């Protein structure tokens, strides 16, 4: 079930970002146990279930909500979490997952074909709003939330802390050997190292050129073209490369116990996920915010990487099963 759809979608966002920079003549840049999701601890399963504050209608439910998603693993997992929480609160939920990329999901919510879906902050800013990147995370969210409401009559709920952005990863052994934990250290020691990643990473404005401009250095001993799939990670584990181009919630980060290097100068924009909801749906069912906002703080980078690994790693679990098990572990659904 392993795919590269998430990587392709993010590369599309970065490509639009690059084109924006060229048009403007500017070079402005835009969590868990070691292997799986965290245990629930001793909290009873029902202790933290959200209060809907609503009254069931004649059919016995609070109403019907259509939850959508884009077409990659992380979206399937998060959208199923949204759907499960709403069902548990008393809503009838229709799942319309695997809609396609950002333009398709955006069109579906604008047409009222879905009521909500998970979206990423910088995807919204760069791809949908077609604005310049914003490095300040809070300002980015505030801008997206405000402009979505003004332009599309859509609102954003609380974002999760995880950031699914472009990244660089090393094995623990190589990180310790060279004393590298962040991009600044990597920039200086790059001449000793081999980097592996997609061919375009060498030339694209949002690849090596951006890192060289932001940090200086980043002149690697060798660059191996390995595409955007699992080959990068196997090459890293096999010692064929020292550093891999990655995305920060890739399942392999937690599955293979890799070190995600800190982008300490924030060269890459932030991609936090949050529910985007139609305003008419929120007006009709205002309790949606309270229900879904309980989930947001629990989705860290480590957690999301672990959940992705459960689907894309050797266990090959279904996203819906991974989503439900995590909510139960966190006490958000009864077991």
Protein backbone atom coordinates (compact mmCIF):
# COMPACT_ATOMS: atom_id res chain seq x y z
CA UNK A 1 0.00 0.00 0.00
CA UNK A 2 3.05 2.18 0.01
CA UNK A 3 2.69 5.13 -2.40
CA UNK A 4 4.48 8.37 -3.19
CA UNK A 5 1.30 10.42 -3.52
CA UNK A 6 2.01 12.57 -0.50
CA UNK A 7 5.49 13.37 -1.78
CA UNK A 8 4.15 14.25 -5.20
CA UNK A 9 1.52 16.56 -3.70
CA UNK A 10 4.12 18.40 -1.63
CA UNK A 11 6.44 18.70 -4.62
CA UNK A 12 3.53 20.33 -6.48
CA UNK A 13 3.18 22.86 -3.66
CA UNK A 14 6.91 23.58 -3.76
CA UNK A 15 6.82 23.92 -7.55
CA UNK A 16 4.07 26.53 -7.30
CA UNK A 17 6.11 28.25 -4.61
CA UNK A 18 9.09 28.29 -7.00
CA UNK A 19 7.03 29.71 -9.84
CA UNK A 20 5.69 32.41 -7.54
CA UNK A 21 9.20 33.44 -6.62
CA UNK A 22 10.23 33.60 -10.25
CA UNK A 23 7.20 35.72 -11.13
CA UNK A 24 7.93 38.16 -8.34
CA UNK A 25 11.66 38.28 -9.02
CA UNK A 26 12.31 37.34 -5.40
CA UNK A 27 14.22 34.56 -3.64
CA UNK A 28 12.06 34.68 -0.49
CA UNK A 29 11.70 31.22 0.94
CA UNK A 30 9.05 29.99 1.71
CA UNK A 31 5.74 11.91 17.65
CA UNK A 32 5.03 8.32 20.20
CA UNK A 33 6.94 5.28 21.34
CA UNK A 34 9.98 4.34 19.22
CA UNK A 35 7.99 2.25 16.74
CA UNK A 36 4.28 2.93 17.05
CA UNK A 37 1.68 5.36 18.37
CA UNK A 38 1.79 6.18 22.10
CA UNK A 39 -0.05 4.06 24.59
CA UNK A 40 -3.20 5.36 26.24
CA UNK A 41 -1.72 5.16 29.70
CA UNK A 42 -4.14 4.70 32.58
CA UNK A 43 -6.79 7.15 31.37
CA UNK A 44 -10.21 5.45 31.03
CA UNK A 45 -11.37 5.27 27.40
CA UNK A 46 -14.44 7.41 28.08
CA UNK A 47 -12.74 10.08 30.16
CA UNK A 48 -11.94 12.52 27.37
CA UNK A 49 -14.81 11.94 24.95
CA UNK A 50 -15.99 15.30 23.57
CA UNK A 51 -19.38 16.72 24.59
CA UNK A 52 -21.39 17.57 21.48
CA UNK A 53 -23.81 19.90 23.20
CA UNK A 54 -26.46 18.97 20.61
CA UNK A 55 -29.80 17.21 20.40
CA UNK A 56 -30.39 14.24 18.08
CA UNK A 57 -32.86 14.78 15.26
CA UNK A 58 -35.80 12.55 14.40
CA UNK A 59 -33.51 9.95 12.84
CA UNK A 60 -31.52 9.59 16.06
CA UNK A 61 -28.45 11.49 14.87
CA UNK A 62 -27.33 15.10 15.17
CA UNK A 63 -27.27 15.34 11.38
CA UNK A 64 -25.17 14.21 8.42
CA UNK A 65 -21.63 15.43 7.75
CA UNK A 66 -19.61 14.50 4.68
CA UNK A 67 -15.88 14.11 5.38
CA UNK A 68 -13.46 14.16 2.45
CA UNK A 69 -9.74 13.60 1.98
CA UNK A 70 -7.01 13.89 -0.60
CA UNK A 71 -5.31 10.84 -2.05
CA UNK A 72 -2.44 9.73 0.20
CA UNK A 73 -1.91 7.78 3.40
CA UNK A 74 -1.63 10.64 5.87
CA UNK A 75 -4.86 12.19 4.60
CA UNK A 76 -6.70 8.87 4.84
CA UNK A 77 -5.63 8.42 8.45
CA UNK A 78 -6.49 11.93 9.61
CA UNK A 79 -9.80 12.09 7.72
CA UNK A 80 -10.85 8.77 9.27
CA UNK A 81 -10.06 10.21 12.69
CA UNK A 82 -12.30 13.21 11.98
CA UNK A 83 -15.07 10.88 10.81
CA UNK A 84 -14.76 8.55 13.81
CA UNK A 85 -14.89 11.42 16.30
CA UNK A 86 -17.97 12.91 14.65
CA UNK A 87 -19.72 9.54 14.53
CA UNK A 88 -18.93 8.94 18.18
CA UNK A 89 -20.45 12.33 19.00
CA UNK A 90 -23.74 11.37 17.35
CA UNK A 91 -23.42 12.49 13.73
CA UNK A 92 -24.15 10.38 10.69
CA UNK A 93 -20.91 10.58 8.70
CA UNK A 94 -20.45 9.95 5.00
CA UNK A 95 -16.83 9.33 3.99
CA UNK A 96 -15.69 10.60 0.59
CA UNK A 97 -12.00 9.81 0.80
CA UNK A 98 -9.35 9.59 -1.92
CA UNK A 99 -10.83 12.52 -3.86
CA UNK A 100 -7.54 13.43 -5.53
CA UNK A 101 -5.14 16.35 -5.14
CA UNK A 102 -5.64 19.79 -3.62
CA UNK A 103 -7.59 21.39 -6.52
CA UNK A 104 -10.11 18.52 -6.52
CA UNK A 105 -10.63 18.61 -2.75
CA UNK A 106 -10.96 22.40 -2.83
CA UNK A 107 -13.55 22.23 -5.61
CA UNK A 108 -15.51 19.56 -3.73
CA UNK A 109 -15.78 21.61 -0.55
CA UNK A 110 -16.69 24.79 -2.43
CA UNK A 111 -19.46 22.94 -4.28
CA UNK A 112 -20.80 21.49 -1.03
CA UNK A 113 -19.98 17.92 -2.05
CA UNK A 114 -18.09 17.57 1.23
CA UNK A 115 -18.41 19.51 4.49
CA UNK A 116 -14.80 19.27 5.65
CA UNK A 117 -11.43 17.71 4.92
CA UNK A 118 -7.83 17.86 6.25
CA UNK A 119 -5.63 20.49 4.59
CA UNK A 120 -2.09 21.80 5.10
CA UNK A 121 -1.34 25.43 5.89
CA UNK A 122 1.35 26.12 3.29
CA UNK A 123 -0.50 24.09 0.67
CA UNK A 124 -3.42 26.43 1.24
CA UNK A 125 -1.23 29.52 1.10
CA UNK A 126 0.88 28.59 -1.94
CA UNK A 127 -1.42 26.36 -3.99
CA UNK A 128 -4.89 27.71 -3.27
CA UNK A 129 -4.38 31.35 -2.29
CA UNK A 130 -1.29 31.69 -4.52
CA UNK A 131 0.48 33.94 -2.03
CA UNK A 132 4.13 34.28 -1.02
CA UNK A 133 5.40 31.88 1.68
CA UNK A 134 5.19 32.93 5.33
CA UNK A 135 7.82 31.55 7.72
CA UNK A 136 6.07 32.53 10.98
CA UNK A 137 3.80 29.59 11.80
CA UNK A 138 1.12 31.58 13.64
CA UNK A 139 1.02 34.32 11.03
CA UNK A 140 0.76 31.65 8.32
CA UNK A 141 -2.24 30.04 10.03
CA UNK A 142 -3.94 33.37 10.75
CA UNK A 143 -3.52 34.46 7.13
CA UNK A 144 -4.90 31.22 5.72
CA UNK A 145 -7.84 31.19 8.14
CA UNK A 146 -8.75 34.81 7.44
CA UNK A 147 -8.40 34.61 3.66
CA UNK A 148 -10.29 31.32 3.38
CA UNK A 149 -13.22 32.85 5.24
CA UNK A 150 -13.19 36.01 3.12
CA UNK A 151 -12.69 34.36 -0.25
CA UNK A 152 -14.37 30.97 0.10
CA UNK A 153 -16.64 31.13 3.19
CA UNK A 154 -14.56 28.32 4.71
CA UNK A 155 -13.03 28.19 8.17
CA UNK A 156 -10.02 26.43 9.68
CA UNK A 157 -10.13 24.66 13.03
CA UNK A 158 -7.15 24.13 15.35
CA UNK A 159 -4.02 22.88 13.51
CA UNK A 160 -2.06 19.86 14.68
CA UNK A 161 1.53 20.57 15.78
CA UNK A 162 3.07 18.18 13.24
CA UNK A 163 4.76 19.73 10.22
CA UNK A 164 4.85 17.59 7.06
CA UNK A 165 7.45 19.60 5.18
CA UNK A 166 10.53 18.80 3.13
CA UNK A 167 13.37 17.54 5.31
CA UNK A 168 16.72 15.75 5.48
CA UNK A 169 17.36 12.56 7.44
CA UNK A 170 20.33 10.49 8.62
CA UNK A 171 20.75 7.22 10.49
CA UNK A 172 21.45 7.56 14.20
CA UNK A 173 24.94 6.11 13.69
CA UNK A 174 25.88 8.64 10.98
CA UNK A 175 24.35 11.52 12.90
CA UNK A 176 26.45 10.64 15.94
CA UNK A 177 29.59 9.94 13.88
CA UNK A 178 29.61 13.38 12.28
CA UNK A 179 27.94 15.31 15.11
CA UNK A 180 25.09 16.47 12.89
CA UNK A 181 21.63 17.23 14.24
CA UNK A 182 20.67 20.36 12.29
CA UNK A 183 21.02 21.95 8.87
CA UNK A 184 23.76 24.36 9.94
CA UNK A 185 26.02 21.50 11.02
CA UNK A 186 25.19 19.56 7.86
CA UNK A 187 25.99 22.57 5.67
CA UNK A 188 29.55 22.66 7.00
CA UNK A 189 30.19 18.90 6.86
CA UNK A 190 28.50 18.26 3.51
CA UNK A 191 31.82 17.83 1.61
CA UNK A 192 32.38 14.60 3.57
CA UNK A 193 28.93 13.18 2.79
CA UNK A 194 26.80 11.65 0.02
CA UNK A 195 23.25 12.98 -0.40
CA UNK A 196 20.45 10.94 -2.02
CA UNK A 197 17.18 12.25 -3.40
CA UNK A 198 15.16 13.19 -6.48
CA UNK A 199 17.16 14.42 -9.46
CA UNK A 200 15.43 17.80 -9.49
CA UNK A 201 16.52 18.50 -5.90
CA UNK A 202 19.92 19.58 -7.21
CA UNK A 203 18.57 22.37 -9.41
CA UNK A 204 15.16 23.44 -8.12
CA UNK A 205 15.00 26.78 -6.32
CA UNK A 206 13.38 25.00 -3.34
CA UNK A 207 16.04 22.27 -3.23
CA UNK A 208 19.80 22.58 -2.78
CA UNK A 209 19.94 26.18 -4.09
CA UNK A 210 17.57 27.30 -1.32
CA UNK A 211 19.65 25.52 1.34
CA UNK A 212 22.88 26.96 -0.04
CA UNK A 213 21.43 30.45 0.00
CA UNK A 214 20.00 30.12 3.52
CA UNK A 215 22.89 28.32 5.23
CA UNK A 216 25.90 28.56 2.96
CA UNK A 217 27.90 25.38 2.36
CA UNK A 218 25.78 22.38 1.38
CA UNK A 219 28.37 21.30 -1.19
CA UNK A 220 28.11 17.51 -0.97
CA UNK A 221 30.84 15.07 -1.97
CA UNK A 222 28.33 13.31 -4.22
CA UNK A 223 24.63 13.38 -5.09
CA UNK A 224 22.85 10.12 -5.91
CA UNK A 225 19.57 10.28 -7.81
CA UNK A 226 17.12 8.04 -5.94
CA UNK A 227 13.68 9.45 -6.67
CA UNK A 228 11.06 10.12 -4.00
CA UNK A 229 10.24 6.55 -2.96
CA UNK A 230 11.52 4.05 -0.42
CA UNK A 231 14.79 3.55 -2.35
CA UNK A 232 16.21 6.60 -0.56
CA UNK A 233 15.66 5.04 2.82
CA UNK A 234 17.01 1.63 1.84
CA UNK A 235 20.11 3.33 0.43
CA UNK A 236 20.49 5.22 3.70
CA UNK A 237 20.21 2.04 5.77
CA UNK A 238 22.61 0.21 3.45
CA UNK A 239 25.24 2.94 3.78
CA UNK A 240 25.12 3.91 0.10
CA UNK A 241 24.28 7.49 1.09
CA UNK A 242 24.79 9.48 4.29
CA UNK A 243 21.83 11.87 4.03
CA UNK A 244 18.41 11.38 2.43
CA UNK A 245 15.96 13.95 1.13
CA UNK A 246 12.77 13.25 3.08
CA UNK A 247 9.44 14.54 4.27
CA UNK A 248 9.20 15.08 7.97
CA UNK A 249 6.31 12.68 8.70
CA UNK A 250 7.45 9.86 6.39
CA UNK A 251 6.77 6.55 8.10
CA UNK A 252 10.38 5.49 7.68
CA UNK A 253 11.55 8.25 10.05
CA UNK A 254 10.04 6.41 13.01
CA UNK A 255 9.95 2.94 11.43
CA UNK A 256 13.70 2.92 10.78
CA UNK A 257 14.57 5.10 13.83
CA UNK A 258 16.14 7.83 11.71
CA UNK A 259 17.29 11.28 12.80
CA UNK A 260 15.28 14.10 11.28
CA UNK A 261 17.64 17.05 11.02
CA UNK A 262 16.44 20.38 12.41
CA UNK A 263 15.90 23.12 9.81
CA UNK A 264 17.16 25.65 12.36
CA UNK A 265 16.98 28.65 10.01
CA UNK A 266 13.50 27.69 8.76
CA UNK A 267 14.37 27.47 5.07
CA UNK A 268 11.28 25.39 4.36
CA UNK A 269 7.70 26.55 5.00
CA UNK A 270 5.43 24.87 7.55
CA UNK A 271 2.79 22.34 6.55
CA UNK A 272 0.53 21.87 9.57
CA UNK A 273 -2.74 20.00 9.06
CA UNK A 274 -6.17 21.14 10.22
CA UNK A 275 -9.84 20.58 9.36
CA UNK A 276 -11.15 23.01 6.72
CA UNK A 277 -14.91 23.33 7.19
CA UNK A 278 -17.72 25.01 5.28
CA UNK A 279 -19.07 27.99 7.23
CA UNK A 280 -22.68 26.95 6.63
CA UNK A 281 -21.85 23.54 8.14
CA UNK A 282 -20.24 25.21 11.16
CA UNK A 283 -23.27 27.49 11.60
CA UNK A 284 -25.56 24.47 11.55
CA UNK A 285 -23.36 22.29 13.76
CA UNK A 286 -21.10 24.57 15.86
CA UNK A 287 -20.14 21.66 18.11
CA UNK A 288 -17.91 20.32 15.32
CA UNK A 289 -15.11 22.63 16.47
CA UNK A 290 -15.06 21.28 20.01
CA UNK A 291 -15.16 17.69 18.79
CA UNK A 292 -12.32 17.92 16.28
CA UNK A 293 -10.11 20.32 18.26
CA UNK A 294 -9.61 17.60 20.89
CA UNK A 295 -7.55 15.66 18.36
CA UNK A 296 -5.18 18.38 17.12
CA UNK A 297 -2.65 18.55 20.00
CA UNK A 298 -2.10 14.78 19.93
CA UNK A 299 -0.76 14.68 16.35
CA UNK A 300 2.96 15.41 16.61
CA UNK A 301 5.63 14.62 14.01
CA UNK A 302 6.61 11.43 15.83
CA UNK A 303 3.01 10.29 16.19
CA UNK A 304 2.12 10.95 12.56
CA UNK A 305 5.28 9.25 11.28
CA UNK A 306 4.48 6.20 13.43
CA UNK A 307 0.89 6.05 12.15
CA UNK A 308 2.04 6.38 8.54
CA UNK A 309 4.49 3.53 9.16
CA UNK A 310 1.71 1.25 10.42
CA UNK A 311 0.05 1.64 7.01
CA UNK A 312 3.09 1.84 4.73
CA UNK A 313 5.53 -0.36 6.65
CA UNK A 314 5.63 -4.17 6.88
CA UNK A 315 2.34 -4.43 8.83
CA UNK A 316 0.37 -2.91 5.88
CA UNK A 317 -2.58 -1.96 8.12
CA UNK A 318 -5.66 -0.19 6.79
CA UNK A 319 -5.77 3.59 7.47
CA UNK A 320 -9.24 3.31 9.03
CA UNK A 321 -8.01 0.66 11.50
CA UNK A 322 -4.91 2.72 12.38
CA UNK A 323 -7.03 5.82 12.94
CA UNK A 324 -9.54 4.08 15.21
CA UNK A 325 -6.87 2.30 17.27
CA UNK A 326 -5.05 5.57 17.89
CA UNK A 327 -8.22 7.36 19.01
CA UNK A 328 -8.97 4.50 21.38
CA UNK A 329 -5.41 4.58 22.78
CA UNK A 330 -5.81 8.31 23.41
CA UNK A 331 -9.16 7.89 25.19
CA UNK A 332 -11.05 9.76 22.46
CA UNK A 333 -13.09 6.70 21.47
CA UNK A 334 -14.38 3.87 23.66
CA UNK A 335 -12.63 0.53 23.23
